[in-house]
Amino acid sequence: MRQIVFMTLAADDLVSCWEIDDATGTLSLLSETSVEGRPAPLAVDRENNLLYVGRRDIPRVSSYRFDPSSGTLEHQFDGPVLQGDPCYLSLDRTSRFLLGAYYNGGAVTVQEVEAGNFEGRSDWIPTGNGAHCVKTDLSNKYVMLPHIAGEHGMNAIRLFRFDDDNGSLVPNRPAEISQPDNRGPRHYVFHPNGRYVYFSNEQDCSVTAYSFDSTSGLIKELQTESTLPMHYGGVNSCAQLRITPDGRYLFAPNRGHNSLAGFSVDSDSGGLTQIGRTPTEAIPRVLDIDSTGKYLYSAGLESGHVSAFNISGDGSLDLIDRYEVGNEPMWILTLPVG
């Protein structure tokens, strides 16, 4: 199976595309496309070969059609100028609605899209400072919006019901899950079985496992595990996290300790077991796992490099190679294309 990787390089105003060698996990550069305005989050419509790029200095979202063979991007449409800069994007499971989270703007958006064009509904919904991630569950009926803690966040998870007929997003009951002081939920991933969801906690440097009720869209905390080794006293914060396609392993980056914390996942109980930490790039803000679950790619915001790892059968990570990719890599998106 052929796979490519899109990366945004905010300080270079570039989106680059790389090809994955399926046998080795190594990367080779296919293309670079200029995208002004500090490109950062990405979302993909695989069926229509469309890439949505959040541009944080403008701020708006733009759509590009990509060529799977060459990785080149062709600009399609620009969405409306927004009230804040998008830090996370995702499409609902119909690919008709683009969801966005706004850290500084303290909001979530729903934008109706058709073939990359921004048409119809465009909702800006204030939620509170520090909003950082938004996506639908496997049923496409529910949405969660974590907000980090600290000076710039409200330290809570907002819960919504989503109507994929018209794109409406309304508060669930209850509408919010409170968090312990200074936990700071940031990003989340669903287990492939849909019964569990995992949040990285930016300030607490931890991962929390929740059960997920697909009939109500509500969550219940099961367990919280640190991403750091015992007695670590340095500055650190957590960022993105990813789970393997088979749901067996989960990885979260430590920005400061500069490592990837690994966890094995019990698919029956949703429980997490620490399996150690692997050194990686400086300030590893983003990462992604390929669709086969064999390879992990971790970008260093300060190093301008991406490290490629092989995911072993026991969940340990073995370095394949490092790649100089450019200044301020802000997103990695792996994508099967054949």
C-alpha atoms as a PDB file:
ATOM      1  CA  MET A   1       0.000   0.000   0.000  1.00  0.00           C
ATOM      2  CA  ARG A   2       1.347   3.396  -0.978  1.00  0.00           C
ATOM      3  CA  GLN A   3       1.356   6.147   1.663  1.00  0.00           C
ATOM      4  CA  ILE A   4       2.315   9.815   1.745  1.00  0.00           C
ATOM      5  CA  VAL A   5       2.885  12.330   4.552  1.00  0.00           C
ATOM      6  CA  PHE A   6       1.888  15.991   4.541  1.00  0.00           C
ATOM      7  CA  MET A   7       3.748  18.374   6.861  1.00  0.00           C
ATOM      8  CA  THR A   8       3.090  22.044   7.563  1.00  0.00           C
ATOM      9  CA  LEU A   9       6.137  24.262   8.137  1.00  0.00           C
ATOM     10  CA  ALA A  10       4.722  27.393   9.714  1.00  0.00           C
ATOM     11  CA  ALA A  11       7.831  29.581   9.729  1.00  0.00           C
ATOM     12  CA  ASP A  12       8.573  28.733   6.080  1.00  0.00           C
ATOM     13  CA  ASP A  13       4.997  29.178   4.824  1.00  0.00           C
ATOM     14  CA  LEU A  14       5.202  25.725   3.244  1.00  0.00           C
ATOM     15  CA  VAL A  15       3.304  22.462   3.063  1.00  0.00           C
ATOM     16  CA  SER A  16       5.585  19.591   2.096  1.00  0.00           C
ATOM     17  CA  CYS A  17       4.667  16.104   0.931  1.00  0.00           C
ATOM     18  CA  TRP A  18       6.792  13.001   1.476  1.00  0.00           C
ATOM     19  CA  GLU A  19       6.446   9.392   0.375  1.00  0.00           C
ATOM     20  CA  ILE A  20       6.755   6.506   2.853  1.00  0.00           C
ATOM     21  CA  ASP A  21       8.751   3.442   1.828  1.00  0.00           C
ATOM     22  CA  ASP A  22       6.382   0.703   2.957  1.00  0.00           C
ATOM     23  CA  ALA A  23       9.190  -1.786   3.554  1.00  0.00           C
ATOM     24  CA  THR A  24      11.428   0.469   5.634  1.00  0.00           C
ATOM     25  CA  GLY A  25       9.415   3.498   6.825  1.00  0.00           C
ATOM     26  CA  THR A  26      11.959   5.891   5.320  1.00  0.00           C
ATOM     27  CA  LEU A  27      10.783   9.157   3.769  1.00  0.00           C
ATOM     28  CA  SER A  28      11.532  10.812   0.427  1.00  0.00           C
ATOM     29  CA  LEU A  29      10.471  14.343  -0.474  1.00  0.00           C
ATOM     30  CA  LEU A  30       7.878  14.625  -3.247  1.00  0.00           C
ATOM     31  CA  SER A  31       6.851  18.291  -3.280  1.00  0.00           C
ATOM     32  CA  GLU A  32       6.698  21.618  -1.476  1.00  0.00           C
ATOM     33  CA  THR A  33       3.854  24.115  -1.850  1.00  0.00           C
ATOM     34  CA  SER A  34       3.887  27.725  -0.687  1.00  0.00           C
ATOM     35  CA  VAL A  35       0.974  28.535   1.650  1.00  0.00           C
ATOM     36  CA  GLU A  36       1.099  32.011   3.179  1.00  0.00           C
ATOM     37  CA  GLY A  37      -0.033  32.816   6.689  1.00  0.00           C
ATOM     38  CA  ARG A  38       1.757  30.214   8.875  1.00  0.00           C
ATOM     39  CA  PRO A  39       0.031  26.985   7.820  1.00  0.00           C
ATOM     40  CA  ALA A  40      -0.600  24.688  10.784  1.00  0.00           C
ATOM     41  CA  PRO A  41      -3.482  22.214  11.260  1.00  0.00           C
ATOM     42  CA  LEU A  42      -4.547  19.890   8.442  1.00  0.00           C
ATOM     43  CA  ALA A  43      -7.633  17.835   7.651  1.00  0.00           C
ATOM     44  CA  VAL A  44      -8.143  15.562   4.653  1.00  0.00           C
ATOM     45  CA  ASP A  45     -11.076  14.482   2.523  1.00  0.00           C
ATOM     46  CA  ARG A  46      -9.634  11.256   1.122  1.00  0.00           C
ATOM     47  CA  GLU A  47     -12.524  10.533  -1.226  1.00  0.00           C
ATOM     48  CA  ASN A  48     -12.115  13.813  -3.081  1.00  0.00           C
ATOM     49  CA  ASN A  49      -8.335  14.240  -2.636  1.00  0.00           C
ATOM     50  CA  LEU A  50      -8.829  17.511  -0.764  1.00  0.00           C
ATOM     51  CA  LEU A  51      -6.554  18.931   1.906  1.00  0.00           C
ATOM     52  CA  TYR A  52      -7.808  21.648   4.267  1.00  0.00           C
ATOM     53  CA  VAL A  53      -5.079  23.900   5.681  1.00  0.00           C
ATOM     54  CA  GLY A  54      -5.508  26.196   8.676  1.00  0.00           C
ATOM     55  CA  ARG A  55      -3.593  29.460   8.178  1.00  0.00           C
ATOM     56  CA  ARG A  56      -2.984  30.979  11.580  1.00  0.00           C
ATOM     57  CA  ASP A  57      -1.721  34.462  10.672  1.00  0.00           C
ATOM     58  CA  ILE A  58      -4.595  35.405   8.346  1.00  0.00           C
ATOM     59  CA  PRO A  59      -6.675  33.624   9.925  1.00  0.00           C
ATOM     60  CA  ARG A  60      -8.729  31.320   7.695  1.00  0.00           C
ATOM     61  CA  VAL A  61      -8.913  27.821   6.259  1.00  0.00           C
ATOM     62  CA  SER A  62      -8.079  27.092   2.622  1.00  0.00           C
ATOM     63  CA  SER A  63      -8.685  23.998   0.522  1.00  0.00           C
ATOM     64  CA  TYR A  64      -6.237  22.364  -1.863  1.00  0.00           C
ATOM     65  CA  ARG A  65      -6.643  19.456  -4.243  1.00  0.00           C
ATOM     66  CA  PHE A  66      -3.691  17.078  -4.032  1.00  0.00           C
ATOM     67  CA  ASP A  67      -2.245  14.741  -6.619  1.00  0.00           C
ATOM     68  CA  PRO A  68      -1.628  11.395  -4.868  1.00  0.00           C
ATOM     69  CA  SER A  69       1.197  10.467  -7.228  1.00  0.00           C
ATOM     70  CA  SER A  70       3.241  13.649  -7.008  1.00  0.00           C
ATOM     71  CA  GLY A  71       2.002  15.177  -3.745  1.00  0.00           C
ATOM     72  CA  THR A  72       1.538  18.551  -5.424  1.00  0.00           C
ATOM     73  CA  LEU A  73      -1.213  20.860  -4.171  1.00  0.00           C
ATOM     74  CA  GLU A  74      -3.557  22.982  -6.280  1.00  0.00           C
ATOM     75  CA  HIS A  75      -5.304  25.814  -4.489  1.00  0.00           C
ATOM     76  CA  GLN A  76      -9.106  25.558  -4.603  1.00  0.00           C
ATOM     77  CA  PHE A  77     -10.918  27.918  -2.241  1.00  0.00           C
ATOM     78  CA  ASP A  78     -10.369  30.202   0.743  1.00  0.00           C
ATOM     79  CA  GLY A  79     -12.823  30.136   3.603  1.00  0.00           C
ATOM     80  CA  PRO A  80     -13.992  33.312   5.342  1.00  0.00           C
ATOM     81  CA  VAL A  81     -11.636  35.297   7.549  1.00  0.00           C
ATOM     82  CA  LEU A  82     -12.306  34.054  11.073  1.00  0.00           C
ATOM     83  CA  GLN A  83     -12.398  35.674  14.504  1.00  0.00           C
ATOM     84  CA  GLY A  84      -9.374  33.663  15.648  1.00  0.00           C
ATOM     85  CA  ASP A  85      -6.618  31.432  14.331  1.00  0.00           C
ATOM     86  CA  PRO A  86      -7.431  27.702  13.963  1.00  0.00           C
ATOM     87  CA  CYS A  87      -5.241  25.317  15.964  1.00  0.00           C
ATOM     88  CA  TYR A  88      -7.111  22.110  15.052  1.00  0.00           C
ATOM     89  CA  LEU A  89      -9.239  20.978  12.114  1.00  0.00           C
ATOM     90  CA  SER A  90     -11.252  17.852  11.375  1.00  0.00           C
ATOM     91  CA  LEU A  91     -13.982  16.771   8.998  1.00  0.00           C
ATOM     92  CA  ASP A  92     -17.096  15.039  10.186  1.00  0.00           C
ATOM     93  CA  ARG A  93     -17.619  11.524   8.821  1.00  0.00           C
ATOM     94  CA  THR A  94     -19.683  12.745   5.882  1.00  0.00           C
ATOM     95  CA  SER A  95     -16.929  15.230   4.857  1.00  0.00           C
ATOM     96  CA  ARG A  96     -19.666  17.871   4.537  1.00  0.00           C
ATOM     97  CA  PHE A  97     -18.721  19.820   7.655  1.00  0.00           C
ATOM     98  CA  LEU A  98     -15.333  21.124   8.742  1.00  0.00           C
ATOM     99  CA  LEU A  99     -14.866  21.530  12.496  1.00  0.00           C
ATOM    100  CA  GLY A 100     -12.268  23.861  13.991  1.00  0.00           C
ATOM    101  CA  ALA A 101     -10.872  24.604  17.464  1.00  0.00           C
ATOM    102  CA  TYR A 102      -9.548  28.057  18.412  1.00  0.00           C
ATOM    103  CA  TYR A 103      -7.078  28.297  21.284  1.00  0.00           C
ATOM    104  CA  ASN A 104      -6.783  32.081  21.391  1.00  0.00           C
ATOM    105  CA  GLY A 105     -10.283  32.704  20.053  1.00  0.00           C
ATOM    106  CA  GLY A 106     -11.862  30.449  22.678  1.00  0.00           C
ATOM    107  CA  ALA A 107     -14.331  28.888  20.280  1.00  0.00           C
ATOM    108  CA  VAL A 108     -15.363  26.032  18.021  1.00  0.00           C
ATOM    109  CA  THR A 109     -16.519  26.420  14.414  1.00  0.00           C
ATOM    110  CA  VAL A 110     -18.633  24.412  11.993  1.00  0.00           C
ATOM    111  CA  GLN A 111     -18.171  25.289   8.312  1.00  0.00           C
ATOM    112  CA  GLU A 112     -20.160  23.606   5.555  1.00  0.00           C
ATOM    113  CA  VAL A 113     -17.966  22.517   2.636  1.00  0.00           C
ATOM    114  CA  GLU A 114     -18.675  21.039  -0.774  1.00  0.00           C
ATOM    115  CA  ALA A 115     -15.829  19.901  -3.053  1.00  0.00           C
ATOM    116  CA  GLY A 116     -13.518  22.185  -1.086  1.00  0.00           C
ATOM    117  CA  ASN A 117     -15.792  25.196  -1.372  1.00  0.00           C
ATOM    118  CA  PHE A 118     -16.968  26.914   1.809  1.00  0.00           C
ATOM    119  CA  GLU A 119     -20.706  27.175   1.350  1.00  0.00           C
ATOM    120  CA  GLY A 120     -23.755  27.316   3.549  1.00  0.00           C
ATOM    121  CA  ARG A 121     -23.423  27.061   7.309  1.00  0.00           C
ATOM    122  CA  SER A 122     -20.563  28.835   9.052  1.00  0.00           C
ATOM    123  CA  ASP A 123     -20.954  28.918  12.839  1.00  0.00           C
ATOM    124  CA  TRP A 124     -18.621  30.501  15.362  1.00  0.00           C
ATOM    125  CA  ILE A 125     -19.507  29.176  18.844  1.00  0.00           C
ATOM    126  CA  PRO A 126     -17.714  30.754  21.855  1.00  0.00           C
ATOM    127  CA  THR A 127     -16.703  28.145  24.457  1.00  0.00           C
ATOM    128  CA  GLY A 128     -13.848  29.577  26.532  1.00  0.00           C
ATOM    129  CA  ASN A 129     -10.105  30.103  26.311  1.00  0.00           C
ATOM    130  CA  GLY A 130      -7.733  27.267  25.461  1.00  0.00           C
ATOM    131  CA  ALA A 131      -9.870  25.184  23.069  1.00  0.00           C
ATOM    132  CA  HIS A 132      -7.473  22.803  21.363  1.00  0.00           C
ATOM    133  CA  CYS A 133      -9.015  19.781  19.599  1.00  0.00           C
ATOM    134  CA  VAL A 134     -12.365  18.864  18.052  1.00  0.00           C
ATOM    135  CA  LYS A 135     -13.697  15.834  16.174  1.00  0.00           C
ATOM    136  CA  THR A 136     -16.779  13.639  15.946  1.00  0.00           C
ATOM    137  CA  ASP A 137     -17.098  10.203  17.502  1.00  0.00           C
ATOM    138  CA  LEU A 138     -17.412   7.065  15.358  1.00  0.00           C
ATOM    139  CA  SER A 139     -21.197   7.490  15.132  1.00  0.00           C
ATOM    140  CA  ASN A 140     -20.845  11.112  13.965  1.00  0.00           C
ATOM    141  CA  LYS A 141     -23.359  12.167  16.639  1.00  0.00           C
ATOM    142  CA  TYR A 142     -21.133  13.646  19.357  1.00  0.00           C
ATOM    143  CA  VAL A 143     -18.228  16.072  19.656  1.00  0.00           C
ATOM    144  CA  MET A 144     -15.852  16.926  22.497  1.00  0.00           C
ATOM    145  CA  LEU A 145     -13.767  20.087  22.894  1.00  0.00           C
ATOM    146  CA  PRO A 146     -10.951  20.056  25.482  1.00  0.00           C
ATOM    147  CA  HIS A 147      -9.598  23.324  26.910  1.00  0.00           C
ATOM    148  CA  ILE A 148      -6.153  23.457  28.483  1.00  0.00           C
ATOM    149  CA  ALA A 149      -5.489  24.859  31.963  1.00  0.00           C
ATOM    150  CA  GLY A 150      -3.118  27.521  33.226  1.00  0.00           C
ATOM    151  CA  GLU A 151      -3.138  31.205  32.397  1.00  0.00           C
ATOM    152  CA  HIS A 152      -4.690  30.731  28.946  1.00  0.00           C
ATOM    153  CA  GLY A 153      -7.235  27.964  29.439  1.00  0.00           C
ATOM    154  CA  MET A 154     -10.414  27.055  31.327  1.00  0.00           C
ATOM    155  CA  ASN A 155      -9.383  23.473  32.230  1.00  0.00           C
ATOM    156  CA  ALA A 156     -12.483  21.607  31.071  1.00  0.00           C
ATOM    157  CA  ILE A 157     -13.918  19.318  28.391  1.00  0.00           C
ATOM    158  CA  ARG A 158     -17.003  20.672  26.649  1.00  0.00           C
ATOM    159  CA  LEU A 159     -19.512  18.105  25.304  1.00  0.00           C
ATOM    160  CA  PHE A 160     -21.770  18.610  22.267  1.00  0.00           C
ATOM    161  CA  ARG A 161     -24.376  16.823  20.199  1.00  0.00           C
ATOM    162  CA  PHE A 162     -23.793  16.999  16.450  1.00  0.00           C
ATOM    163  CA  ASP A 163     -26.411  16.769  13.693  1.00  0.00           C
ATOM    164  CA  ASP A 164     -24.765  15.683  10.453  1.00  0.00           C
ATOM    165  CA  ASP A 165     -27.886  16.552   8.461  1.00  0.00           C
ATOM    166  CA  ASN A 166     -27.510  20.286   9.011  1.00  0.00           C
ATOM    167  CA  GLY A 167     -24.203  20.685  10.894  1.00  0.00           C
ATOM    168  CA  SER A 168     -25.705  22.024  14.096  1.00  0.00           C
ATOM    169  CA  LEU A 169     -23.599  21.707  17.243  1.00  0.00           C
ATOM    170  CA  VAL A 170     -25.465  22.071  20.549  1.00  0.00           C
ATOM    171  CA  PRO A 171     -24.395  21.496  24.170  1.00  0.00           C
ATOM    172  CA  ASN A 172     -24.912  17.994  25.521  1.00  0.00           C
ATOM    173  CA  ARG A 173     -26.353  17.300  29.002  1.00  0.00           C
ATOM    174  CA  PRO A 174     -24.193  17.783  30.955  1.00  0.00           C
ATOM    175  CA  ALA A 175     -22.377  20.269  28.752  1.00  0.00           C
ATOM    176  CA  GLU A 176     -19.028  20.125  30.551  1.00  0.00           C
ATOM    177  CA  ILE A 177     -16.728  17.690  32.338  1.00  0.00           C
ATOM    178  CA  SER A 178     -14.700  19.504  34.996  1.00  0.00           C
ATOM    179  CA  GLN A 179     -11.062  18.596  35.590  1.00  0.00           C
ATOM    180  CA  PRO A 180      -8.709  18.550  38.598  1.00  0.00           C
ATOM    181  CA  ASP A 181      -6.735  21.741  39.075  1.00  0.00           C
ATOM    182  CA  ASN A 182      -4.148  22.416  36.381  1.00  0.00           C
ATOM    183  CA  ARG A 183      -4.755  19.169  34.444  1.00  0.00           C
ATOM    184  CA  GLY A 184      -5.291  20.907  31.086  1.00  0.00           C
ATOM    185  CA  PRO A 185      -6.882  18.481  28.588  1.00  0.00           C
ATOM    186  CA  ARG A 186      -5.510  19.255  25.116  1.00  0.00           C
ATOM    187  CA  HIS A 187      -5.938  16.547  22.455  1.00  0.00           C
ATOM    188  CA  TYR A 188      -7.854  13.275  22.285  1.00  0.00           C
ATOM    189  CA  VAL A 189      -8.192  10.075  20.281  1.00  0.00           C
ATOM    190  CA  PHE A 190     -10.900   7.424  20.226  1.00  0.00           C
ATOM    191  CA  HIS A 191     -10.070   3.764  20.575  1.00  0.00           C
ATOM    192  CA  PRO A 192     -10.923   1.970  17.303  1.00  0.00           C
ATOM    193  CA  ASN A 193     -13.658   0.016  19.129  1.00  0.00           C
ATOM    194  CA  GLY A 194     -15.417   3.301  19.988  1.00  0.00           C
ATOM    195  CA  ARG A 195     -15.818   2.390  23.671  1.00  0.00           C
ATOM    196  CA  TYR A 196     -12.933   4.454  25.047  1.00  0.00           C
ATOM    197  CA  VAL A 197     -11.372   7.853  24.490  1.00  0.00           C
ATOM    198  CA  TYR A 198      -7.949   9.120  25.619  1.00  0.00           C
ATOM    199  CA  PHE A 199      -6.960  12.698  26.409  1.00  0.00           C
ATOM    200  CA  SER A 200      -3.485  14.178  26.702  1.00  0.00           C
ATOM    201  CA  ASN A 201      -3.224  16.674  29.570  1.00  0.00           C
ATOM    202  CA  GLU A 202      -0.946  19.584  28.722  1.00  0.00           C
ATOM    203  CA  GLN A 203      -0.173  20.968  32.180  1.00  0.00           C
ATOM    204  CA  ASP A 204      -0.461  17.719  34.174  1.00  0.00           C
ATOM    205  CA  CYS A 205       1.847  15.837  31.749  1.00  0.00           C
ATOM    206  CA  SER A 206      -0.428  12.818  31.704  1.00  0.00           C
ATOM    207  CA  VAL A 207      -2.906  10.784  29.677  1.00  0.00           C
ATOM    208  CA  THR A 208      -6.423  10.080  30.949  1.00  0.00           C
ATOM    209  CA  ALA A 209      -8.528   7.132  29.802  1.00  0.00           C
ATOM    210  CA  TYR A 210     -12.313   7.549  29.738  1.00  0.00           C
ATOM    211  CA  SER A 211     -15.125   5.186  28.896  1.00  0.00           C
ATOM    212  CA  PHE A 212     -17.356   6.589  26.158  1.00  0.00           C
ATOM    213  CA  ASP A 213     -21.107   6.024  26.025  1.00  0.00           C
ATOM    214  CA  SER A 214     -22.068   6.078  22.358  1.00  0.00           C
ATOM    215  CA  THR A 215     -25.773   6.396  23.205  1.00  0.00           C
ATOM    216  CA  SER A 216     -25.379   9.599  25.230  1.00  0.00           C
ATOM    217  CA  GLY A 217     -21.999  11.024  24.180  1.00  0.00           C
ATOM    218  CA  LEU A 218     -20.890  11.152  27.826  1.00  0.00           C
ATOM    219  CA  ILE A 219     -17.535  10.078  29.264  1.00  0.00           C
ATOM    220  CA  LYS A 220     -16.424   8.630  32.599  1.00  0.00           C
ATOM    221  CA  GLU A 221     -12.841   8.791  33.856  1.00  0.00           C
ATOM    222  CA  LEU A 222     -11.137   5.417  34.276  1.00  0.00           C
ATOM    223  CA  GLN A 223      -7.440   6.092  34.815  1.00  0.00           C
ATOM    224  CA  THR A 224      -4.719   8.725  34.542  1.00  0.00           C
ATOM    225  CA  GLU A 225      -1.074   7.899  33.853  1.00  0.00           C
ATOM    226  CA  SER A 226       1.945  10.220  33.827  1.00  0.00           C
ATOM    227  CA  THR A 227       3.914  10.681  30.620  1.00  0.00           C
ATOM    228  CA  LEU A 228       7.094  11.465  32.576  1.00  0.00           C
ATOM    229  CA  PRO A 229       9.603   9.294  34.430  1.00  0.00           C
ATOM    230  CA  MET A 230       9.573   9.392  38.219  1.00  0.00           C
ATOM    231  CA  HIS A 231      11.507  12.255  39.843  1.00  0.00           C
ATOM    232  CA  TYR A 232      11.768  14.315  36.648  1.00  0.00           C
ATOM    233  CA  GLY A 233      11.964  17.938  37.772  1.00  0.00           C
ATOM    234  CA  GLY A 234      12.330  19.869  34.536  1.00  0.00           C
ATOM    235  CA  VAL A 235       9.853  21.973  32.601  1.00  0.00           C
ATOM    236  CA  ASN A 236       7.487  19.938  30.438  1.00  0.00           C
ATOM    237  CA  SER A 237       4.075  19.948  28.791  1.00  0.00           C
ATOM    238  CA  CYS A 238       2.095  17.457  26.727  1.00  0.00           C
ATOM    239  CA  ALA A 239       0.739  17.941  23.234  1.00  0.00           C
ATOM    240  CA  GLN A 240      -0.786  15.672  20.608  1.00  0.00           C
ATOM    241  CA  LEU A 241      -1.322  11.944  20.994  1.00  0.00           C
ATOM    242  CA  ARG A 242      -1.926   9.042  18.633  1.00  0.00           C
ATOM    243  CA  ILE A 243      -3.159   5.456  18.896  1.00  0.00           C
ATOM    244  CA  THR A 244      -2.199   2.598  16.574  1.00  0.00           C
ATOM    245  CA  PRO A 245      -4.911   1.446  14.136  1.00  0.00           C
ATOM    246  CA  ASP A 246      -5.311  -1.841  16.024  1.00  0.00           C
ATOM    247  CA  GLY A 247      -5.784   0.034  19.318  1.00  0.00           C
ATOM    248  CA  ARG A 248      -2.901  -1.752  21.071  1.00  0.00           C
ATOM    249  CA  TYR A 249      -0.519   1.163  21.679  1.00  0.00           C
ATOM    250  CA  LEU A 250      -0.835   4.869  22.414  1.00  0.00           C
ATOM    251  CA  PHE A 251       1.896   7.523  22.257  1.00  0.00           C
ATOM    252  CA  ALA A 252       2.086  11.036  23.724  1.00  0.00           C
ATOM    253  CA  PRO A 253       4.941  13.549  23.313  1.00  0.00           C
ATOM    254  CA  ASN A 254       6.734  15.318  26.169  1.00  0.00           C
ATOM    255  CA  ARG A 255       7.731  18.877  25.253  1.00  0.00           C
ATOM    256  CA  GLY A 256      10.692  19.605  27.520  1.00  0.00           C
ATOM    257  CA  HIS A 257      11.673  16.055  28.406  1.00  0.00           C
ATOM    258  CA  ASN A 258      11.724  15.648  24.605  1.00  0.00           C
ATOM    259  CA  SER A 259      10.478  12.096  24.537  1.00  0.00           C
ATOM    260  CA  LEU A 260       7.574   9.984  23.366  1.00  0.00           C
ATOM    261  CA  ALA A 261       5.706   8.264  26.189  1.00  0.00           C
ATOM    262  CA  GLY A 262       4.317   4.881  25.175  1.00  0.00           C
ATOM    263  CA  PHE A 263       1.385   2.973  26.655  1.00  0.00           C
ATOM    264  CA  SER A 264      -0.097  -0.419  25.964  1.00  0.00           C
ATOM    265  CA  VAL A 265      -3.901  -0.393  25.804  1.00  0.00           C
ATOM    266  CA  ASP A 266      -6.259  -3.058  27.085  1.00  0.00           C
ATOM    267  CA  SER A 267      -9.036  -3.091  24.486  1.00  0.00           C
ATOM    268  CA  ASP A 268     -11.448  -4.837  26.867  1.00  0.00           C
ATOM    269  CA  SER A 269     -11.106  -2.497  29.854  1.00  0.00           C
ATOM    270  CA  GLY A 270      -9.648   0.601  28.186  1.00  0.00           C
ATOM    271  CA  GLY A 271      -6.801   0.555  30.713  1.00  0.00           C
ATOM    272  CA  LEU A 272      -3.302   1.904  30.078  1.00  0.00           C
ATOM    273  CA  THR A 273       0.079   0.453  31.065  1.00  0.00           C
ATOM    274  CA  GLN A 274       3.256   2.503  30.732  1.00  0.00           C
ATOM    275  CA  ILE A 275       5.868   0.956  28.437  1.00  0.00           C
ATOM    276  CA  GLY A 276       8.543   3.626  28.716  1.00  0.00           C
ATOM    277  CA  ARG A 277       9.774   6.749  26.975  1.00  0.00           C
ATOM    278  CA  THR A 278      11.806   7.142  23.789  1.00  0.00           C
ATOM    279  CA  PRO A 279      14.029  10.191  23.113  1.00  0.00           C
ATOM    280  CA  THR A 280      12.898  12.265  20.135  1.00  0.00           C
ATOM    281  CA  GLU A 281      13.160  15.731  18.613  1.00  0.00           C
ATOM    282  CA  ALA A 282      13.315  18.961  20.616  1.00  0.00           C
ATOM    283  CA  ILE A 283       9.802  20.131  21.560  1.00  0.00           C
ATOM    284  CA  PRO A 284       7.880  17.310  19.872  1.00  0.00           C
ATOM    285  CA  ARG A 285       4.599  19.135  19.272  1.00  0.00           C
ATOM    286  CA  VAL A 286       3.047  16.791  16.689  1.00  0.00           C
ATOM    287  CA  LEU A 287       3.260  13.176  15.582  1.00  0.00           C
ATOM    288  CA  ASP A 288       1.376  10.666  13.477  1.00  0.00           C
ATOM    289  CA  ILE A 289       1.208   6.909  12.902  1.00  0.00           C
ATOM    290  CA  ASP A 290       0.859   5.392   9.440  1.00  0.00           C
ATOM    291  CA  SER A 291      -2.230   3.395   8.493  1.00  0.00           C
ATOM    292  CA  THR A 292      -0.445   0.035   8.868  1.00  0.00           C
ATOM    293  CA  GLY A 293       0.589   0.798  12.452  1.00  0.00           C
ATOM    294  CA  LYS A 294       4.227   0.025  11.668  1.00  0.00           C
ATOM    295  CA  TYR A 295       5.707   3.524  11.655  1.00  0.00           C
ATOM    296  CA  LEU A 296       5.553   6.646  13.815  1.00  0.00           C
ATOM    297  CA  TYR A 297       6.750  10.114  12.762  1.00  0.00           C
ATOM    298  CA  SER A 298       7.565  12.777  15.376  1.00  0.00           C
ATOM    299  CA  ALA A 299       8.335  16.415  14.528  1.00  0.00           C
ATOM    300  CA  GLY A 300      10.437  18.775  16.626  1.00  0.00           C
ATOM    301  CA  LEU A 301       9.109  22.318  16.680  1.00  0.00           C
ATOM    302  CA  GLU A 302      12.555  23.662  17.620  1.00  0.00           C
ATOM    303  CA  SER A 303      14.752  21.161  15.780  1.00  0.00           C
ATOM    304  CA  GLY A 304      13.154  21.452  12.340  1.00  0.00           C
ATOM    305  CA  HIS A 305      13.541  17.691  11.986  1.00  0.00           C
ATOM    306  CA  VAL A 306      11.241  14.690  11.904  1.00  0.00           C
ATOM    307  CA  SER A 307      12.274  11.398  13.458  1.00  0.00           C
ATOM    308  CA  ALA A 308      10.901   8.194  11.929  1.00  0.00           C
ATOM    309  CA  PHE A 309      10.428   5.180  14.197  1.00  0.00           C
ATOM    310  CA  ASN A 310       9.515   1.549  13.718  1.00  0.00           C
ATOM    311  CA  ILE A 311       6.801   0.397  16.150  1.00  0.00           C
ATOM    312  CA  SER A 312       7.862  -3.028  17.405  1.00  0.00           C
ATOM    313  CA  GLY A 313       5.489  -5.813  18.361  1.00  0.00           C
ATOM    314  CA  ASP A 314       5.827  -4.910  22.044  1.00  0.00           C
ATOM    315  CA  GLY A 315       5.137  -1.208  21.413  1.00  0.00           C
ATOM    316  CA  SER A 316       8.747  -0.056  21.753  1.00  0.00           C
ATOM    317  CA  LEU A 317      10.092   2.454  19.242  1.00  0.00           C
ATOM    318  CA  ASP A 318      13.243   1.953  17.160  1.00  0.00           C
ATOM    319  CA  LEU A 319      14.711   4.941  15.339  1.00  0.00           C
ATOM    320  CA  ILE A 320      14.809   4.554  11.560  1.00  0.00           C
ATOM    321  CA  ASP A 321      16.213   7.956  10.554  1.00  0.00           C
ATOM    322  CA  ARG A 322      15.955  11.729  11.027  1.00  0.00           C
ATOM    323  CA  TYR A 323      14.941  14.193   8.316  1.00  0.00           C
ATOM    324  CA  GLU A 324      15.516  17.924   8.075  1.00  0.00           C
ATOM    325  CA  VAL A 325      12.108  19.221   7.003  1.00  0.00           C
ATOM    326  CA  GLY A 326      12.095  22.985   7.662  1.00  0.00           C
ATOM    327  CA  ASN A 327      11.269  25.585  10.275  1.00  0.00           C
ATOM    328  CA  GLU A 328       8.505  25.070  12.852  1.00  0.00           C
ATOM    329  CA  PRO A 329       6.836  21.843  11.747  1.00  0.00           C
ATOM    330  CA  MET A 330       3.304  22.259  13.075  1.00  0.00           C
ATOM    331  CA  TRP A 331       1.443  19.238  11.689  1.00  0.00           C
ATOM    332  CA  ILE A 332       2.068  15.728  10.357  1.00  0.00           C
ATOM    333  CA  LEU A 333      -0.629  13.848   8.470  1.00  0.00           C
ATOM    334  CA  THR A 334       0.001  10.353   7.083  1.00  0.00           C
ATOM    335  CA  LEU A 335      -2.322   9.253   4.330  1.00  0.00           C
ATOM    336  CA  PRO A 336      -2.832   5.973   2.398  1.00  0.00           C
ATOM    337  CA  VAL A 337      -3.271   6.734  -1.306  1.00  0.00           C
ATOM    338  CA  GLY A 338      -3.309   3.321  -2.960  1.00  0.00           C
END
